[in-house]
Amino acid sequence: MARGHLMVRLPPGRNDELGALTREFNRMADEIRNTYLASISTLAEVVEAKSRYTREHVERVEALVLATVEVLERRGWVRFSSHQRFLLSVAAILHDVGKIAIGNEILNKSGPLDPAERQQILTHPEVGALIVERMGKLERAAEIIRCAHEHFDGSGYPRGLRGEEIPLESRIILAVDAFDAMTMNRPYSNGRPLADAVSELRAEAGRQFDPVVVEALIEVVTTQEAPTSSAPQADSGLYRAIQSPGNGAIRPDDPRRQGDRG
């Protein structure tokens, strides 16, 4: 198995001995991958319990991220392997996992943050990256998470990276997360109309967001096939797969609080 790769399987062997070895290898590979998926599912559950965002937010973010990659690939701007997509899904699902280290009184505060509280919020990308790094073989996903709040013009955090210094995957997650935050309905307010959110994305292109990513995301969200805030369509996503009842994870009918900060 290639170092750091969780998706490798071998084709069936041509004789009994090779076939037995192949089956054993594939069984072990499946066990390793399932262990990672169980860990990811557990972390996602912890984040959902901590945050007021709904589980549907995570589904939508992953679905929109993958759909944006498809547009970028179709335009010939990028090519992702299946393993790169897997790591991107992990990062999209766990991009805010570092918030488990921040107090609920800060995450759920309705008013402005004071400087000390703001400083705590700024630590969550690094904390999240360290958590995912400790899972092993997910270093790339950890780096994507670490950079998921960096802005294209260098005004983001935690390191003030700019432009292509920021991993493409992080630039995609940033734009998608912001779009979903703008358009999602909350108990105390309705989401912004699609046209307003698209205008905001374009206004921030070149500042907060990568202009290329913005145009790809806009293509996704303005087509009928796109997953939306009211109708998440993550049928092929990793998050929906690990949340299936057979994996012992979160059931779709579990109550979740809504909203979030950061």
C-alpha atoms as a PDB file:
ATOM      1  CA  MET A   1       0.000   0.000   0.000  1.00  0.00           C
ATOM      2  CA  ALA A   2       1.387   3.388  -0.949  1.00  0.00           C
ATOM      3  CA  ARG A   3       2.409   5.556   1.988  1.00  0.00           C
ATOM      4  CA  GLY A   4      -0.447   7.757   3.137  1.00  0.00           C
ATOM      5  CA  HIS A   5      -2.953   6.178   0.767  1.00  0.00           C
ATOM      6  CA  LEU A   6      -6.153   4.744   2.267  1.00  0.00           C
ATOM      7  CA  MET A   7      -7.946   3.730  -0.909  1.00  0.00           C
ATOM      8  CA  VAL A   8      -5.686   1.026  -2.390  1.00  0.00           C
ATOM      9  CA  ARG A   9      -7.137  -2.386  -3.216  1.00  0.00           C
ATOM     10  CA  LEU A  10      -5.716  -5.206  -5.328  1.00  0.00           C
ATOM     11  CA  PRO A  11      -7.484  -6.992  -8.218  1.00  0.00           C
ATOM     12  CA  PRO A  12      -8.438 -10.655  -7.655  1.00  0.00           C
ATOM     13  CA  GLY A  13      -5.545 -13.126  -7.961  1.00  0.00           C
ATOM     14  CA  ARG A  14      -5.276 -15.690 -10.747  1.00  0.00           C
ATOM     15  CA  ASN A  15      -4.570 -18.706  -8.545  1.00  0.00           C
ATOM     16  CA  ASP A  16      -5.692 -19.909  -5.141  1.00  0.00           C
ATOM     17  CA  GLU A  17      -2.592 -18.776  -3.230  1.00  0.00           C
ATOM     18  CA  LEU A  18      -2.439 -15.346  -4.830  1.00  0.00           C
ATOM     19  CA  GLY A  19      -6.197 -15.021  -4.509  1.00  0.00           C
ATOM     20  CA  ALA A  20      -6.018 -15.763  -0.781  1.00  0.00           C
ATOM     21  CA  LEU A  21      -3.234 -13.209  -0.307  1.00  0.00           C
ATOM     22  CA  THR A  22      -5.186 -10.636  -2.297  1.00  0.00           C
ATOM     23  CA  ARG A  23      -8.328 -11.205  -0.247  1.00  0.00           C
ATOM     24  CA  GLU A  24      -6.365 -10.852   2.989  1.00  0.00           C
ATOM     25  CA  PHE A  25      -4.698  -7.660   1.768  1.00  0.00           C
ATOM     26  CA  ASN A  26      -8.036  -6.181   0.756  1.00  0.00           C
ATOM     27  CA  ARG A  27      -9.593  -7.208   4.076  1.00  0.00           C
ATOM     28  CA  MET A  28      -6.794  -5.446   5.960  1.00  0.00           C
ATOM     29  CA  ALA A  29      -7.087  -2.382   3.705  1.00  0.00           C
ATOM     30  CA  ASP A  30     -10.833  -2.250   4.363  1.00  0.00           C
ATOM     31  CA  GLU A  31     -10.262  -2.540   8.118  1.00  0.00           C
ATOM     32  CA  ILE A  32      -7.766   0.333   8.060  1.00  0.00           C
ATOM     33  CA  ARG A  33     -10.054   2.514   5.976  1.00  0.00           C
ATOM     34  CA  ASN A  34     -13.071   1.706   8.174  1.00  0.00           C
ATOM     35  CA  THR A  35     -11.059   2.637  11.267  1.00  0.00           C
ATOM     36  CA  TYR A  36     -10.297   6.025   9.740  1.00  0.00           C
ATOM     37  CA  LEU A  37     -13.931   6.512   8.744  1.00  0.00           C
ATOM     38  CA  ALA A  38     -15.093   5.645  12.261  1.00  0.00           C
ATOM     39  CA  SER A  39     -12.665   8.196  13.704  1.00  0.00           C
ATOM     40  CA  ILE A  40     -13.832  10.832  11.229  1.00  0.00           C
ATOM     41  CA  SER A  41     -17.465  10.069  12.066  1.00  0.00           C
ATOM     42  CA  THR A  42     -16.789  10.388  15.795  1.00  0.00           C
ATOM     43  CA  LEU A  43     -15.033  13.719  15.348  1.00  0.00           C
ATOM     44  CA  ALA A  44     -17.865  14.988  13.155  1.00  0.00           C
ATOM     45  CA  GLU A  45     -20.361  13.996  15.852  1.00  0.00           C
ATOM     46  CA  VAL A  46     -18.364  15.847  18.510  1.00  0.00           C
ATOM     47  CA  VAL A  47     -18.220  18.981  16.364  1.00  0.00           C
ATOM     48  CA  GLU A  48     -21.973  18.853  15.732  1.00  0.00           C
ATOM     49  CA  ALA A  49     -22.671  18.535  19.456  1.00  0.00           C
ATOM     50  CA  LYS A  50     -20.363  21.480  20.143  1.00  0.00           C
ATOM     51  CA  SER A  51     -21.552  23.768  17.370  1.00  0.00           C
ATOM     52  CA  ARG A  52     -25.006  25.095  16.583  1.00  0.00           C
ATOM     53  CA  TYR A  53     -24.634  24.297  12.901  1.00  0.00           C
ATOM     54  CA  THR A  54     -26.833  21.480  11.663  1.00  0.00           C
ATOM     55  CA  ARG A  55     -25.420  18.246  10.295  1.00  0.00           C
ATOM     56  CA  GLU A  56     -26.878  19.292   6.937  1.00  0.00           C
ATOM     57  CA  HIS A  57     -24.351  22.137   6.819  1.00  0.00           C
ATOM     58  CA  VAL A  58     -21.519  19.602   6.799  1.00  0.00           C
ATOM     59  CA  GLU A  59     -23.246  17.564   4.089  1.00  0.00           C
ATOM     60  CA  ARG A  60     -23.754  20.639   1.955  1.00  0.00           C
ATOM     61  CA  VAL A  61     -20.189  21.861   2.375  1.00  0.00           C
ATOM     62  CA  GLU A  62     -18.753  18.510   1.319  1.00  0.00           C
ATOM     63  CA  ALA A  63     -21.160  18.195  -1.607  1.00  0.00           C
ATOM     64  CA  LEU A  64     -20.504  21.729  -2.846  1.00  0.00           C
ATOM     65  CA  VAL A  65     -16.740  21.328  -2.450  1.00  0.00           C
ATOM     66  CA  LEU A  66     -16.724  18.164  -4.559  1.00  0.00           C
ATOM     67  CA  ALA A  67     -19.052  19.714  -7.134  1.00  0.00           C
ATOM     68  CA  THR A  68     -16.757  22.744  -7.397  1.00  0.00           C
ATOM     69  CA  VAL A  69     -13.799  20.445  -8.009  1.00  0.00           C
ATOM     70  CA  GLU A  70     -15.761  18.783 -10.817  1.00  0.00           C
ATOM     71  CA  VAL A  71     -16.258  22.163 -12.495  1.00  0.00           C
ATOM     72  CA  LEU A  72     -12.572  23.013 -12.117  1.00  0.00           C
ATOM     73  CA  GLU A  73     -11.655  19.645 -13.626  1.00  0.00           C
ATOM     74  CA  ARG A  74     -14.079  20.077 -16.498  1.00  0.00           C
ATOM     75  CA  ARG A  75     -12.479  23.419 -17.284  1.00  0.00           C
ATOM     76  CA  GLY A  76      -9.051  21.782 -17.252  1.00  0.00           C
ATOM     77  CA  TRP A  77      -7.756  23.782 -14.300  1.00  0.00           C
ATOM     78  CA  VAL A  78      -7.105  20.874 -11.934  1.00  0.00           C
ATOM     79  CA  ARG A  79      -7.124  17.080 -11.782  1.00  0.00           C
ATOM     80  CA  PHE A  80      -7.791  15.237  -8.529  1.00  0.00           C
ATOM     81  CA  SER A  81      -7.111  11.555  -7.904  1.00  0.00           C
ATOM     82  CA  SER A  82      -9.585   9.466  -5.903  1.00  0.00           C
ATOM     83  CA  HIS A  83      -7.283   9.718  -2.887  1.00  0.00           C
ATOM     84  CA  GLN A  84      -7.067  13.495  -3.198  1.00  0.00           C
ATOM     85  CA  ARG A  85     -10.860  13.606  -3.260  1.00  0.00           C
ATOM     86  CA  PHE A  86     -10.974  11.417  -0.149  1.00  0.00           C
ATOM     87  CA  LEU A  87      -8.623  13.771   1.706  1.00  0.00           C
ATOM     88  CA  LEU A  88     -10.611  16.777   0.489  1.00  0.00           C
ATOM     89  CA  SER A  89     -13.811  15.187   1.819  1.00  0.00           C
ATOM     90  CA  VAL A  90     -12.140  14.582   5.181  1.00  0.00           C
ATOM     91  CA  ALA A  91     -11.003  18.208   5.330  1.00  0.00           C
ATOM     92  CA  ALA A  92     -14.423  19.520   4.287  1.00  0.00           C
ATOM     93  CA  ILE A  93     -16.149  17.456   6.979  1.00  0.00           C
ATOM     94  CA  LEU A  94     -13.660  18.381   9.730  1.00  0.00           C
ATOM     95  CA  HIS A  95     -12.639  21.905   8.704  1.00  0.00           C
ATOM     96  CA  ASP A  96     -13.984  23.322  11.985  1.00  0.00           C
ATOM     97  CA  VAL A  97     -13.056  20.426  14.280  1.00  0.00           C
ATOM     98  CA  GLY A  98     -10.699  22.745  16.183  1.00  0.00           C
ATOM     99  CA  LYS A  99     -13.743  24.492  17.637  1.00  0.00           C
ATOM    100  CA  ILE A 100     -14.071  21.673  20.158  1.00  0.00           C
ATOM    101  CA  ALA A 101     -11.317  23.490  22.098  1.00  0.00           C
ATOM    102  CA  ILE A 102     -13.317  26.739  22.262  1.00  0.00           C
ATOM    103  CA  GLY A 103     -15.916  27.395  24.947  1.00  0.00           C
ATOM    104  CA  ASN A 104     -19.610  27.336  24.079  1.00  0.00           C
ATOM    105  CA  GLU A 105     -20.011  30.805  25.560  1.00  0.00           C
ATOM    106  CA  ILE A 106     -17.721  32.121  22.799  1.00  0.00           C
ATOM    107  CA  LEU A 107     -19.012  29.990  19.921  1.00  0.00           C
ATOM    108  CA  ASN A 108     -22.627  30.827  20.712  1.00  0.00           C
ATOM    109  CA  LYS A 109     -22.165  34.461  21.716  1.00  0.00           C
ATOM    110  CA  SER A 110     -24.710  36.659  19.960  1.00  0.00           C
ATOM    111  CA  GLY A 111     -22.791  39.923  20.376  1.00  0.00           C
ATOM    112  CA  PRO A 112     -19.331  40.986  19.187  1.00  0.00           C
ATOM    113  CA  LEU A 113     -16.282  39.182  20.531  1.00  0.00           C
ATOM    114  CA  ASP A 114     -13.788  40.944  22.766  1.00  0.00           C
ATOM    115  CA  PRO A 115     -10.069  40.750  21.794  1.00  0.00           C
ATOM    116  CA  ALA A 116      -9.354  37.741  24.024  1.00  0.00           C
ATOM    117  CA  GLU A 117     -12.348  35.841  22.648  1.00  0.00           C
ATOM    118  CA  ARG A 118     -11.376  36.722  19.096  1.00  0.00           C
ATOM    119  CA  GLN A 119      -7.886  35.390  19.758  1.00  0.00           C
ATOM    120  CA  GLN A 120      -9.349  32.065  20.868  1.00  0.00           C
ATOM    121  CA  ILE A 121     -11.372  31.820  17.644  1.00  0.00           C
ATOM    122  CA  LEU A 122      -8.190  32.406  15.638  1.00  0.00           C
ATOM    123  CA  THR A 123      -6.593  29.298  17.168  1.00  0.00           C
ATOM    124  CA  HIS A 124      -9.135  26.774  15.907  1.00  0.00           C
ATOM    125  CA  PRO A 125      -7.600  26.035  12.450  1.00  0.00           C
ATOM    126  CA  GLU A 126      -4.274  25.081  14.039  1.00  0.00           C
ATOM    127  CA  VAL A 127      -5.963  23.035  16.760  1.00  0.00           C
ATOM    128  CA  GLY A 128      -8.064  21.229  14.156  1.00  0.00           C
ATOM    129  CA  ALA A 129      -5.025  20.473  12.028  1.00  0.00           C
ATOM    130  CA  LEU A 130      -3.184  18.999  15.008  1.00  0.00           C
ATOM    131  CA  ILE A 131      -6.166  16.781  15.846  1.00  0.00           C
ATOM    132  CA  VAL A 132      -6.359  15.396  12.306  1.00  0.00           C
ATOM    133  CA  GLU A 133      -2.574  14.961  12.057  1.00  0.00           C
ATOM    134  CA  ARG A 134      -2.670  12.655  15.072  1.00  0.00           C
ATOM    135  CA  MET A 135      -5.008  10.319  13.216  1.00  0.00           C
ATOM    136  CA  GLY A 136      -2.069   9.356  10.973  1.00  0.00           C
ATOM    137  CA  LYS A 137      -1.741   9.411   7.169  1.00  0.00           C
ATOM    138  CA  LEU A 138      -4.000  12.451   6.948  1.00  0.00           C
ATOM    139  CA  GLU A 139      -1.278  15.093   6.890  1.00  0.00           C
ATOM    140  CA  ARG A 140      -2.591  16.659   3.683  1.00  0.00           C
ATOM    141  CA  ALA A 141      -6.116  16.895   5.091  1.00  0.00           C
ATOM    142  CA  ALA A 142      -4.648  18.500   8.212  1.00  0.00           C
ATOM    143  CA  GLU A 143      -2.820  21.123   6.148  1.00  0.00           C
ATOM    144  CA  ILE A 144      -6.019  21.892   4.213  1.00  0.00           C
ATOM    145  CA  ILE A 145      -7.821  22.436   7.530  1.00  0.00           C
ATOM    146  CA  ARG A 146      -4.971  24.586   8.856  1.00  0.00           C
ATOM    147  CA  CYS A 147      -5.325  26.925   5.858  1.00  0.00           C
ATOM    148  CA  ALA A 148      -9.131  26.918   5.466  1.00  0.00           C
ATOM    149  CA  HIS A 149      -9.464  30.446   6.890  1.00  0.00           C
ATOM    150  CA  GLU A 150      -6.624  32.029   4.908  1.00  0.00           C
ATOM    151  CA  HIS A 151      -7.802  34.767   2.534  1.00  0.00           C
ATOM    152  CA  PHE A 152      -6.646  35.188  -1.045  1.00  0.00           C
ATOM    153  CA  ASP A 153      -5.311  38.702  -0.306  1.00  0.00           C
ATOM    154  CA  GLY A 154      -3.389  37.606   2.802  1.00  0.00           C
ATOM    155  CA  SER A 155      -5.854  39.034   5.339  1.00  0.00           C
ATOM    156  CA  GLY A 156      -6.909  35.657   6.762  1.00  0.00           C
ATOM    157  CA  TYR A 157      -5.558  33.532   9.591  1.00  0.00           C
ATOM    158  CA  PRO A 158      -3.630  31.847  11.172  1.00  0.00           C
ATOM    159  CA  ARG A 159      -0.532  32.568   9.014  1.00  0.00           C
ATOM    160  CA  GLY A 160      -1.599  35.336   6.664  1.00  0.00           C
ATOM    161  CA  LEU A 161      -0.936  33.287   3.525  1.00  0.00           C
ATOM    162  CA  ARG A 162      -1.998  34.740   0.179  1.00  0.00           C
ATOM    163  CA  GLY A 163      -2.827  33.549  -3.331  1.00  0.00           C
ATOM    164  CA  GLU A 164      -1.341  30.227  -4.338  1.00  0.00           C
ATOM    165  CA  GLU A 165       0.509  29.949  -1.040  1.00  0.00           C
ATOM    166  CA  ILE A 166      -2.853  28.664   0.185  1.00  0.00           C
ATOM    167  CA  PRO A 167      -3.695  25.076  -0.839  1.00  0.00           C
ATOM    168  CA  LEU A 168      -6.350  25.010  -3.558  1.00  0.00           C
ATOM    169  CA  GLU A 169      -8.477  22.697  -1.421  1.00  0.00           C
ATOM    170  CA  SER A 170      -8.461  25.275   1.392  1.00  0.00           C
ATOM    171  CA  ARG A 171      -9.474  28.039  -1.016  1.00  0.00           C
ATOM    172  CA  ILE A 172     -12.412  25.917  -2.149  1.00  0.00           C
ATOM    173  CA  ILE A 173     -13.566  25.092   1.392  1.00  0.00           C
ATOM    174  CA  LEU A 174     -13.357  28.757   2.428  1.00  0.00           C
ATOM    175  CA  ALA A 175     -15.617  29.935  -0.406  1.00  0.00           C
ATOM    176  CA  VAL A 176     -18.091  27.070  -0.001  1.00  0.00           C
ATOM    177  CA  ASP A 177     -18.314  27.451   3.779  1.00  0.00           C
ATOM    178  CA  ALA A 178     -18.933  31.187   3.420  1.00  0.00           C
ATOM    179  CA  PHE A 179     -21.595  30.633   0.769  1.00  0.00           C
ATOM    180  CA  ASP A 180     -23.459  28.104   2.894  1.00  0.00           C
ATOM    181  CA  ALA A 181     -23.233  30.339   5.971  1.00  0.00           C
ATOM    182  CA  MET A 182     -24.793  33.162   3.945  1.00  0.00           C
ATOM    183  CA  THR A 183     -27.659  31.107   2.539  1.00  0.00           C
ATOM    184  CA  MET A 184     -28.562  28.741   5.377  1.00  0.00           C
ATOM    185  CA  ASN A 185     -31.698  29.334   7.443  1.00  0.00           C
ATOM    186  CA  ARG A 186     -31.261  29.698  11.197  1.00  0.00           C
ATOM    187  CA  PRO A 187     -33.852  29.732  14.004  1.00  0.00           C
ATOM    188  CA  TYR A 188     -33.416  33.488  14.390  1.00  0.00           C
ATOM    189  CA  SER A 189     -32.960  34.537  10.739  1.00  0.00           C
ATOM    190  CA  ASN A 190     -33.503  33.439   7.165  1.00  0.00           C
ATOM    191  CA  GLY A 191     -30.634  32.833   4.805  1.00  0.00           C
ATOM    192  CA  ARG A 192     -29.788  35.417   2.173  1.00  0.00           C
ATOM    193  CA  PRO A 193     -31.243  34.956  -1.319  1.00  0.00           C
ATOM    194  CA  LEU A 194     -29.056  33.110  -3.806  1.00  0.00           C
ATOM    195  CA  ALA A 195     -28.559  36.236  -5.929  1.00  0.00           C
ATOM    196  CA  ASP A 196     -27.289  38.186  -2.910  1.00  0.00           C
ATOM    197  CA  ALA A 197     -24.878  35.423  -1.936  1.00  0.00           C
ATOM    198  CA  VAL A 198     -23.548  35.192  -5.497  1.00  0.00           C
ATOM    199  CA  SER A 199     -23.043  38.970  -5.552  1.00  0.00           C
ATOM    200  CA  GLU A 200     -21.130  38.751  -2.271  1.00  0.00           C
ATOM    201  CA  LEU A 201     -18.902  35.983  -3.620  1.00  0.00           C
ATOM    202  CA  ARG A 202     -18.075  38.088  -6.679  1.00  0.00           C
ATOM    203  CA  ALA A 203     -17.469  41.193  -4.556  1.00  0.00           C
ATOM    204  CA  GLU A 204     -14.945  39.272  -2.446  1.00  0.00           C
ATOM    205  CA  ALA A 205     -13.217  37.558  -5.396  1.00  0.00           C
ATOM    206  CA  GLY A 206      -9.553  38.528  -5.279  1.00  0.00           C
ATOM    207  CA  ARG A 207      -9.860  39.640  -1.672  1.00  0.00           C
ATOM    208  CA  GLN A 208     -11.273  36.918   0.557  1.00  0.00           C
ATOM    209  CA  PHE A 209     -11.753  34.323  -2.186  1.00  0.00           C
ATOM    210  CA  ASP A 210      -9.838  32.913  -5.148  1.00  0.00           C
ATOM    211  CA  PRO A 211     -11.543  34.354  -8.279  1.00  0.00           C
ATOM    212  CA  VAL A 212     -11.215  31.051 -10.163  1.00  0.00           C
ATOM    213  CA  VAL A 213     -12.841  29.151  -7.296  1.00  0.00           C
ATOM    214  CA  VAL A 214     -15.613  31.750  -7.068  1.00  0.00           C
ATOM    215  CA  GLU A 215     -16.596  31.353 -10.710  1.00  0.00           C
ATOM    216  CA  ALA A 216     -16.580  27.544 -10.430  1.00  0.00           C
ATOM    217  CA  LEU A 217     -18.699  27.651  -7.263  1.00  0.00           C
ATOM    218  CA  ILE A 218     -21.148  30.086  -8.840  1.00  0.00           C
ATOM    219  CA  GLU A 219     -21.563  27.707 -11.765  1.00  0.00           C
ATOM    220  CA  VAL A 220     -22.393  24.948  -9.293  1.00  0.00           C
ATOM    221  CA  VAL A 221     -24.911  26.871  -7.194  1.00  0.00           C
ATOM    222  CA  THR A 222     -26.727  28.414 -10.149  1.00  0.00           C
ATOM    223  CA  THR A 223     -27.487  25.086 -11.830  1.00  0.00           C
ATOM    224  CA  GLN A 224     -30.460  22.888 -10.981  1.00  0.00           C
ATOM    225  CA  GLU A 225     -28.198  19.953 -10.190  1.00  0.00           C
ATOM    226  CA  ALA A 226     -26.351  21.799  -7.449  1.00  0.00           C
ATOM    227  CA  PRO A 227     -26.867  20.898  -3.776  1.00  0.00           C
ATOM    228  CA  THR A 228     -28.548  23.832  -2.028  1.00  0.00           C
ATOM    229  CA  SER A 229     -29.291  24.914   1.518  1.00  0.00           C
ATOM    230  CA  SER A 230     -32.845  23.611   1.248  1.00  0.00           C
ATOM    231  CA  ALA A 231     -32.019  20.351  -0.523  1.00  0.00           C
ATOM    232  CA  PRO A 232     -28.608  18.825   0.222  1.00  0.00           C
ATOM    233  CA  GLN A 233     -27.673  16.184  -2.348  1.00  0.00           C
ATOM    234  CA  ALA A 234     -24.549  14.469  -1.041  1.00  0.00           C
ATOM    235  CA  ASP A 235     -25.521  10.993  -2.211  1.00  0.00           C
ATOM    236  CA  SER A 236     -21.953  10.061  -3.153  1.00  0.00           C
ATOM    237  CA  GLY A 237     -20.250  12.038  -0.390  1.00  0.00           C
ATOM    238  CA  LEU A 238     -18.026  10.571   2.300  1.00  0.00           C
ATOM    239  CA  TYR A 239     -20.007  12.267   5.067  1.00  0.00           C
ATOM    240  CA  ARG A 240     -23.295  10.627   4.142  1.00  0.00           C
ATOM    241  CA  ALA A 241     -21.519   7.282   3.794  1.00  0.00           C
ATOM    242  CA  ILE A 242     -20.017   7.397   7.286  1.00  0.00           C
ATOM    243  CA  GLN A 243     -23.323   8.573   8.777  1.00  0.00           C
ATOM    244  CA  SER A 244     -25.236   5.495   7.574  1.00  0.00           C
ATOM    245  CA  PRO A 245     -26.877   3.447  10.372  1.00  0.00           C
ATOM    246  CA  GLY A 246     -24.540   0.527   9.681  1.00  0.00           C
ATOM    247  CA  ASN A 247     -21.584   2.605  10.801  1.00  0.00           C
ATOM    248  CA  GLY A 248     -23.093   3.371  14.177  1.00  0.00           C
ATOM    249  CA  ALA A 249     -22.825   7.107  13.624  1.00  0.00           C
ATOM    250  CA  ILE A 250     -25.266   9.981  13.720  1.00  0.00           C
ATOM    251  CA  ARG A 251     -28.773   9.172  12.558  1.00  0.00           C
ATOM    252  CA  PRO A 252     -30.475  11.646  10.213  1.00  0.00           C
ATOM    253  CA  ASP A 253     -33.300  12.233  12.706  1.00  0.00           C
ATOM    254  CA  ASP A 254     -31.008  13.197  15.600  1.00  0.00           C
ATOM    255  CA  PRO A 255     -31.841  16.714  16.891  1.00  0.00           C
ATOM    256  CA  ARG A 256     -29.067  19.231  16.303  1.00  0.00           C
ATOM    257  CA  ARG A 257     -28.788  22.818  17.383  1.00  0.00           C
ATOM    258  CA  GLN A 258     -28.300  25.405  14.659  1.00  0.00           C
ATOM    259  CA  GLY A 259     -25.972  28.332  13.974  1.00  0.00           C
ATOM    260  CA  ASP A 260     -22.216  28.905  14.375  1.00  0.00           C
ATOM    261  CA  ARG A 261     -19.400  31.397  14.640  1.00  0.00           C
ATOM    262  CA  GLY A 262     -16.037  31.655  12.879  1.00  0.00           C
END
